[in-house]
Amino acid sequence: MQKGHSTQPESPYMTVQEVADFLRVHTMTVYGLLGAGKLAGIRTMGARGHWRISRETVLDLSHGASSES
């Protein structure tokens, strides 16, 4: 069995930490983008209300940021 390879399918949603890791920014930057409306996300139910962000939205943001001058 190989280590480091996941057999689970990739989720269509990402956590704040996953988005931060992908974009190579701090989690507070992701929260700032969510608060400013520059990144759309879904707040989960519960006392703490974690965020879930569409993987497609994150990819669009990363491609848009790299193509802007």
Protein backbone atom coordinates (compact mmCIF):
# COMPACT_ATOMS: atom_id res chain seq x y z
CA MET A 1 0.00 0.00 0.00
CA GLN A 2 1.35 3.43 -0.94
CA LYS A 3 1.47 6.15 1.67
CA GLY A 4 0.39 9.71 0.96
CA HIS A 5 -2.28 8.83 -1.59
CA SER A 6 -5.92 9.29 -0.64
CA THR A 7 -8.54 6.94 -2.04
CA GLN A 8 -11.39 9.32 -1.20
CA PRO A 9 -12.82 11.39 -4.06
CA GLU A 10 -12.02 15.10 -4.00
CA SER A 11 -14.80 17.06 -2.29
CA PRO A 12 -16.47 19.86 -4.26
CA TYR A 13 -16.11 22.04 -1.14
CA MET A 14 -13.05 23.24 0.72
CA THR A 15 -12.53 24.40 4.30
CA VAL A 16 -11.01 27.78 5.15
CA GLN A 17 -7.73 26.01 5.99
CA GLU A 18 -7.72 24.15 2.66
CA VAL A 19 -8.38 27.39 0.75
CA ALA A 20 -5.60 29.16 2.66
CA ASP A 21 -3.18 26.32 1.92
CA PHE A 22 -4.15 26.27 -1.76
CA LEU A 23 -3.82 30.05 -2.19
CA ARG A 24 -0.76 30.17 0.09
CA VAL A 25 -2.28 32.82 2.34
CA HIS A 26 -3.18 33.03 6.03
CA THR A 27 -6.60 31.80 7.14
CA MET A 28 -7.44 35.36 8.25
CA THR A 29 -6.99 36.46 4.62
CA VAL A 30 -9.60 33.89 3.57
CA TYR A 31 -11.99 35.13 6.28
CA GLY A 32 -11.37 38.67 5.02
CA LEU A 33 -12.21 37.66 1.45
CA LEU A 34 -15.40 35.98 2.69
CA GLY A 35 -16.38 39.04 4.73
CA ALA A 36 -15.71 41.43 1.83
CA GLY A 37 -17.79 39.32 -0.55
CA LYS A 38 -14.80 38.60 -2.80
CA LEU A 39 -15.11 34.89 -2.03
CA ALA A 40 -18.49 33.17 -1.74
CA GLY A 41 -18.98 30.49 0.86
CA ILE A 42 -21.60 28.55 2.78
CA ARG A 43 -21.77 28.73 6.56
CA THR A 44 -22.52 25.38 8.21
CA MET A 45 -25.00 24.98 11.02
CA GLY A 46 -23.84 24.84 14.59
CA ALA A 47 -22.48 27.06 17.31
CA ARG A 48 -19.25 27.87 15.49
CA GLY A 49 -20.61 27.86 11.92
CA HIS A 50 -17.67 26.67 9.87
CA TRP A 51 -17.30 27.87 6.28
CA ARG A 52 -17.33 25.71 3.16
CA ILE A 53 -16.14 27.23 -0.10
CA SER A 54 -16.76 25.79 -3.55
CA ARG A 55 -13.57 24.38 -5.07
CA GLU A 56 -14.66 25.87 -8.42
CA THR A 57 -14.96 29.34 -6.83
CA VAL A 58 -11.45 29.06 -5.39
CA LEU A 59 -10.05 28.00 -8.76
CA ASP A 60 -11.83 30.92 -10.45
CA LEU A 61 -10.40 33.32 -7.86
CA SER A 62 -6.87 31.97 -8.27
CA HIS A 63 -7.05 32.17 -12.08
CA GLY A 64 -8.55 35.66 -11.96
CA ALA A 65 -5.88 36.91 -9.57
CA SER A 66 -3.09 35.61 -11.79
CA SER A 67 -4.56 37.10 -15.00
CA GLU A 68 -5.22 40.60 -13.56
CA SER A 69 -2.58 43.24 -14.07
